[in-house]
Amino acid sequence: MLAESLDGGADVPAALAAWEARRRPRDMWVQSMSRAVLKQEMGAATTPEEDEPLKVGIPGAAHVLVQP
């Protein structure tokens, strides 16, 4: 995705901003899911924000992760 953004003809700062805007939501979701799963495995309490990705579950995560 970074190569696609850089090949888009925009200047580098604009390409990086476009790449970040495209990737950040997925990356934040992956972080949230990872943190929630870790806490769950350790028996620690999760926050309401961490509970949201857990509702999708590990099998459902594949459907989120395949999105570009």
C-alpha atoms as a PDB file:
ATOM      1  CA  MET A   1       0.000   0.000   0.000  1.00  0.00           C
ATOM      2  CA  LEU A   2       2.876   2.345   0.680  1.00  0.00           C
ATOM      3  CA  ALA A   3       4.253   1.714  -2.809  1.00  0.00           C
ATOM      4  CA  GLU A   4       0.816   2.389  -4.292  1.00  0.00           C
ATOM      5  CA  SER A   5       0.603   5.675  -2.431  1.00  0.00           C
ATOM      6  CA  LEU A   6       4.093   6.717  -3.501  1.00  0.00           C
ATOM      7  CA  ASP A   7       3.463   5.683  -7.121  1.00  0.00           C
ATOM      8  CA  GLY A   8       0.307   7.786  -7.204  1.00  0.00           C
ATOM      9  CA  GLY A   9       2.239  10.787  -8.468  1.00  0.00           C
ATOM     10  CA  ALA A  10       1.732  12.943  -5.384  1.00  0.00           C
ATOM     11  CA  ASP A  11       4.652  14.450  -3.541  1.00  0.00           C
ATOM     12  CA  VAL A  12       6.129  12.310  -0.774  1.00  0.00           C
ATOM     13  CA  PRO A  13       4.494  14.118   2.194  1.00  0.00           C
ATOM     14  CA  ALA A  14       1.074  13.891   0.507  1.00  0.00           C
ATOM     15  CA  ALA A  15       1.644  10.230  -0.379  1.00  0.00           C
ATOM     16  CA  LEU A  16       2.623   9.418   3.196  1.00  0.00           C
ATOM     17  CA  ALA A  17      -0.426  11.249   4.548  1.00  0.00           C
ATOM     18  CA  ALA A  18      -2.673   9.307   2.151  1.00  0.00           C
ATOM     19  CA  TRP A  19      -1.038   6.031   3.169  1.00  0.00           C
ATOM     20  CA  GLU A  20      -1.482   6.807   6.858  1.00  0.00           C
ATOM     21  CA  ALA A  21      -5.127   7.754   6.370  1.00  0.00           C
ATOM     22  CA  ARG A  22      -5.714   4.490   4.534  1.00  0.00           C
ATOM     23  CA  ARG A  23      -3.857   2.255   6.994  1.00  0.00           C
ATOM     24  CA  ARG A  24      -4.479   3.817  10.408  1.00  0.00           C
ATOM     25  CA  PRO A  25      -8.038   2.488  10.977  1.00  0.00           C
ATOM     26  CA  ARG A  26      -6.999  -1.114  10.298  1.00  0.00           C
ATOM     27  CA  ASP A  27      -3.800  -0.791  12.305  1.00  0.00           C
ATOM     28  CA  MET A  28      -5.669   0.649  15.266  1.00  0.00           C
ATOM     29  CA  TRP A  29      -8.202  -2.180  15.042  1.00  0.00           C
ATOM     30  CA  VAL A  30      -5.407  -4.789  15.046  1.00  0.00           C
ATOM     31  CA  GLN A  31      -3.820  -3.126  18.090  1.00  0.00           C
ATOM     32  CA  SER A  32      -7.120  -3.079  19.942  1.00  0.00           C
ATOM     33  CA  MET A  33      -7.837  -6.709  19.127  1.00  0.00           C
ATOM     34  CA  SER A  34      -4.339  -7.790  20.174  1.00  0.00           C
ATOM     35  CA  ARG A  35      -4.542  -5.908  23.461  1.00  0.00           C
ATOM     36  CA  ALA A  36      -8.009  -7.292  24.219  1.00  0.00           C
ATOM     37  CA  VAL A  37      -6.995 -10.865  23.443  1.00  0.00           C
ATOM     38  CA  LEU A  38      -3.881 -10.523  25.615  1.00  0.00           C
ATOM     39  CA  LYS A  39      -5.901  -9.190  28.545  1.00  0.00           C
ATOM     40  CA  GLN A  40      -8.494 -11.909  28.065  1.00  0.00           C
ATOM     41  CA  GLU A  41      -5.824 -14.614  28.039  1.00  0.00           C
ATOM     42  CA  MET A  42      -4.258 -13.168  31.199  1.00  0.00           C
ATOM     43  CA  GLY A  43      -7.623 -12.978  32.942  1.00  0.00           C
ATOM     44  CA  ALA A  44      -7.428  -9.196  33.205  1.00  0.00           C
ATOM     45  CA  ALA A  45     -10.439  -6.936  32.850  1.00  0.00           C
ATOM     46  CA  THR A  46     -11.001  -5.338  29.463  1.00  0.00           C
ATOM     47  CA  THR A  47     -12.375  -1.890  28.770  1.00  0.00           C
ATOM     48  CA  PRO A  48     -15.563  -1.306  26.760  1.00  0.00           C
ATOM     49  CA  GLU A  49     -13.373  -0.169  23.848  1.00  0.00           C
ATOM     50  CA  GLU A  50     -11.435  -3.432  24.011  1.00  0.00           C
ATOM     51  CA  ASP A  51     -14.649  -5.439  24.203  1.00  0.00           C
ATOM     52  CA  GLU A  52     -15.771  -4.185  20.781  1.00  0.00           C
ATOM     53  CA  PRO A  53     -13.179  -6.108  18.721  1.00  0.00           C
ATOM     54  CA  LEU A  54     -13.715  -9.160  20.930  1.00  0.00           C
ATOM     55  CA  LYS A  55     -17.333  -9.232  19.751  1.00  0.00           C
ATOM     56  CA  VAL A  56     -16.003  -9.955  16.266  1.00  0.00           C
ATOM     57  CA  GLY A  57     -13.902 -12.786  17.652  1.00  0.00           C
ATOM     58  CA  ILE A  58     -10.762 -14.331  16.244  1.00  0.00           C
ATOM     59  CA  PRO A  59     -12.541 -16.109  13.359  1.00  0.00           C
ATOM     60  CA  GLY A  60     -14.343 -12.895  12.431  1.00  0.00           C
ATOM     61  CA  ALA A  61     -11.091 -10.956  12.548  1.00  0.00           C
ATOM     62  CA  ALA A  62     -10.049 -12.544   9.262  1.00  0.00           C
ATOM     63  CA  HIS A  63     -12.890 -10.706   7.521  1.00  0.00           C
ATOM     64  CA  VAL A  64     -11.617  -7.407   8.917  1.00  0.00           C
ATOM     65  CA  LEU A  65      -7.969  -8.112   8.169  1.00  0.00           C
ATOM     66  CA  VAL A  66      -8.475  -8.908   4.492  1.00  0.00           C
ATOM     67  CA  GLN A  67      -9.841  -5.422   3.850  1.00  0.00           C
ATOM     68  CA  PRO A  68      -7.293  -3.214   2.080  1.00  0.00           C
END
